[in-house]
Amino acid sequence: MLTLRLPPALDKSLVRSARAARQTKSAFVRAAVIERIAEAEDYRIAVKRLARVKAGREKTIPFDDIKRALGH
């Protein structure tokens, strides 16, 4: 469980956004946190892969090769 205090202006914005999405504030914030965690994990993976590419331990595939392999 998590409890947090928001400045009034941010809480007002949250209420508007949650209503527009037809969600409770809790559901809206939960979805936002899940999305942010996924983005952070994607970023960590990308940084690790880039380091492996720069170190020569992993190769990249040119975009044109991928398109050709997919028949585009």
C-alpha atoms as a PDB file:
ATOM      1  CA  MET A   1       0.000   0.000   0.000  1.00  0.00           C
ATOM      2  CA  LEU A   2       1.138   3.510  -0.763  1.00  0.00           C
ATOM      3  CA  THR A   3      -0.136   6.825   0.489  1.00  0.00           C
ATOM      4  CA  LEU A   4       0.975  10.102  -0.973  1.00  0.00           C
ATOM      5  CA  ARG A   5       0.070  13.731  -0.675  1.00  0.00           C
ATOM      6  CA  LEU A   6      -0.293  15.806  -3.798  1.00  0.00           C
ATOM      7  CA  PRO A   7      -0.254  19.564  -4.089  1.00  0.00           C
ATOM      8  CA  PRO A   8      -3.822  20.820  -4.652  1.00  0.00           C
ATOM      9  CA  ALA A   9      -3.202  21.761  -8.298  1.00  0.00           C
ATOM     10  CA  LEU A  10      -1.805  18.322  -9.101  1.00  0.00           C
ATOM     11  CA  ASP A  11      -4.680  16.595  -7.301  1.00  0.00           C
ATOM     12  CA  LYS A  12      -7.161  18.671  -9.291  1.00  0.00           C
ATOM     13  CA  SER A  13      -5.425  17.660 -12.511  1.00  0.00           C
ATOM     14  CA  LEU A  14      -5.476  14.022 -11.411  1.00  0.00           C
ATOM     15  CA  VAL A  15      -9.206  14.201 -10.688  1.00  0.00           C
ATOM     16  CA  ARG A  16      -9.880  15.665 -14.167  1.00  0.00           C
ATOM     17  CA  SER A  17      -7.689  13.102 -15.909  1.00  0.00           C
ATOM     18  CA  ALA A  18      -9.154  10.162 -13.998  1.00  0.00           C
ATOM     19  CA  ARG A  19     -12.697  11.317 -14.739  1.00  0.00           C
ATOM     20  CA  ALA A  20     -11.882  11.723 -18.433  1.00  0.00           C
ATOM     21  CA  ALA A  21     -10.536   8.162 -18.437  1.00  0.00           C
ATOM     22  CA  ARG A  22     -13.581   6.990 -16.442  1.00  0.00           C
ATOM     23  CA  GLN A  23     -11.359   5.612 -13.711  1.00  0.00           C
ATOM     24  CA  THR A  24     -10.882   6.178 -10.034  1.00  0.00           C
ATOM     25  CA  LYS A  25      -7.883   8.230  -8.998  1.00  0.00           C
ATOM     26  CA  SER A  26      -6.304   5.055  -7.595  1.00  0.00           C
ATOM     27  CA  ALA A  27      -6.795   3.120 -10.832  1.00  0.00           C
ATOM     28  CA  PHE A  28      -5.442   6.015 -12.889  1.00  0.00           C
ATOM     29  CA  VAL A  29      -2.330   6.387 -10.731  1.00  0.00           C
ATOM     30  CA  ARG A  30      -1.807   2.599 -10.625  1.00  0.00           C
ATOM     31  CA  ALA A  31      -1.851   2.451 -14.444  1.00  0.00           C
ATOM     32  CA  ALA A  32       0.577   5.380 -14.642  1.00  0.00           C
ATOM     33  CA  VAL A  33       2.984   3.705 -12.215  1.00  0.00           C
ATOM     34  CA  ILE A  34       2.820   0.409 -14.115  1.00  0.00           C
ATOM     35  CA  GLU A  35       3.555   2.237 -17.384  1.00  0.00           C
ATOM     36  CA  ARG A  36       6.482   4.156 -15.863  1.00  0.00           C
ATOM     37  CA  ILE A  37       8.010   1.000 -14.404  1.00  0.00           C
ATOM     38  CA  ALA A  38       7.761  -0.703 -17.811  1.00  0.00           C
ATOM     39  CA  GLU A  39       9.436   2.292 -19.479  1.00  0.00           C
ATOM     40  CA  ALA A  40      12.249   2.258 -16.922  1.00  0.00           C
ATOM     41  CA  GLU A  41      12.827  -1.463 -17.495  1.00  0.00           C
ATOM     42  CA  ASP A  42      12.882  -0.950 -21.284  1.00  0.00           C
ATOM     43  CA  TYR A  43      15.447   1.813 -20.820  1.00  0.00           C
ATOM     44  CA  ARG A  44      17.668  -0.385 -18.623  1.00  0.00           C
ATOM     45  CA  ILE A  45      17.559  -3.159 -21.229  1.00  0.00           C
ATOM     46  CA  ALA A  46      18.411  -0.702 -24.028  1.00  0.00           C
ATOM     47  CA  VAL A  47      21.378   0.702 -22.097  1.00  0.00           C
ATOM     48  CA  LYS A  48      22.748  -2.809 -21.442  1.00  0.00           C
ATOM     49  CA  ARG A  49      22.340  -3.805 -25.084  1.00  0.00           C
ATOM     50  CA  LEU A  50      23.982  -0.618 -26.310  1.00  0.00           C
ATOM     51  CA  ALA A  51      26.948  -1.301 -24.047  1.00  0.00           C
ATOM     52  CA  ARG A  52      27.255  -4.829 -25.494  1.00  0.00           C
ATOM     53  CA  VAL A  53      27.091  -3.454 -29.051  1.00  0.00           C
ATOM     54  CA  LYS A  54      29.762  -0.839 -28.312  1.00  0.00           C
ATOM     55  CA  ALA A  55      31.953  -3.508 -26.732  1.00  0.00           C
ATOM     56  CA  GLY A  56      31.581  -5.707 -29.824  1.00  0.00           C
ATOM     57  CA  ARG A  57      29.768  -8.475 -27.940  1.00  0.00           C
ATOM     58  CA  GLU A  58      26.520  -8.003 -29.825  1.00  0.00           C
ATOM     59  CA  LYS A  59      25.764  -7.016 -33.416  1.00  0.00           C
ATOM     60  CA  THR A  60      23.005  -4.930 -34.886  1.00  0.00           C
ATOM     61  CA  ILE A  61      20.901  -5.751 -37.930  1.00  0.00           C
ATOM     62  CA  PRO A  62      20.442  -3.021 -40.550  1.00  0.00           C
ATOM     63  CA  PHE A  63      16.820  -1.921 -40.907  1.00  0.00           C
ATOM     64  CA  ASP A  64      16.819  -2.641 -44.663  1.00  0.00           C
ATOM     65  CA  ASP A  65      17.832  -6.252 -43.920  1.00  0.00           C
ATOM     66  CA  ILE A  66      14.909  -6.622 -41.524  1.00  0.00           C
ATOM     67  CA  LYS A  67      12.469  -5.148 -44.052  1.00  0.00           C
ATOM     68  CA  ARG A  68      13.789  -7.474 -46.736  1.00  0.00           C
ATOM     69  CA  ALA A  69      13.483 -10.502 -44.441  1.00  0.00           C
ATOM     70  CA  LEU A  70       9.867  -9.551 -43.722  1.00  0.00           C
ATOM     71  CA  GLY A  71       9.101  -9.121 -47.409  1.00  0.00           C
ATOM     72  CA  HIS A  72       8.691  -5.337 -47.411  1.00  0.00           C
END
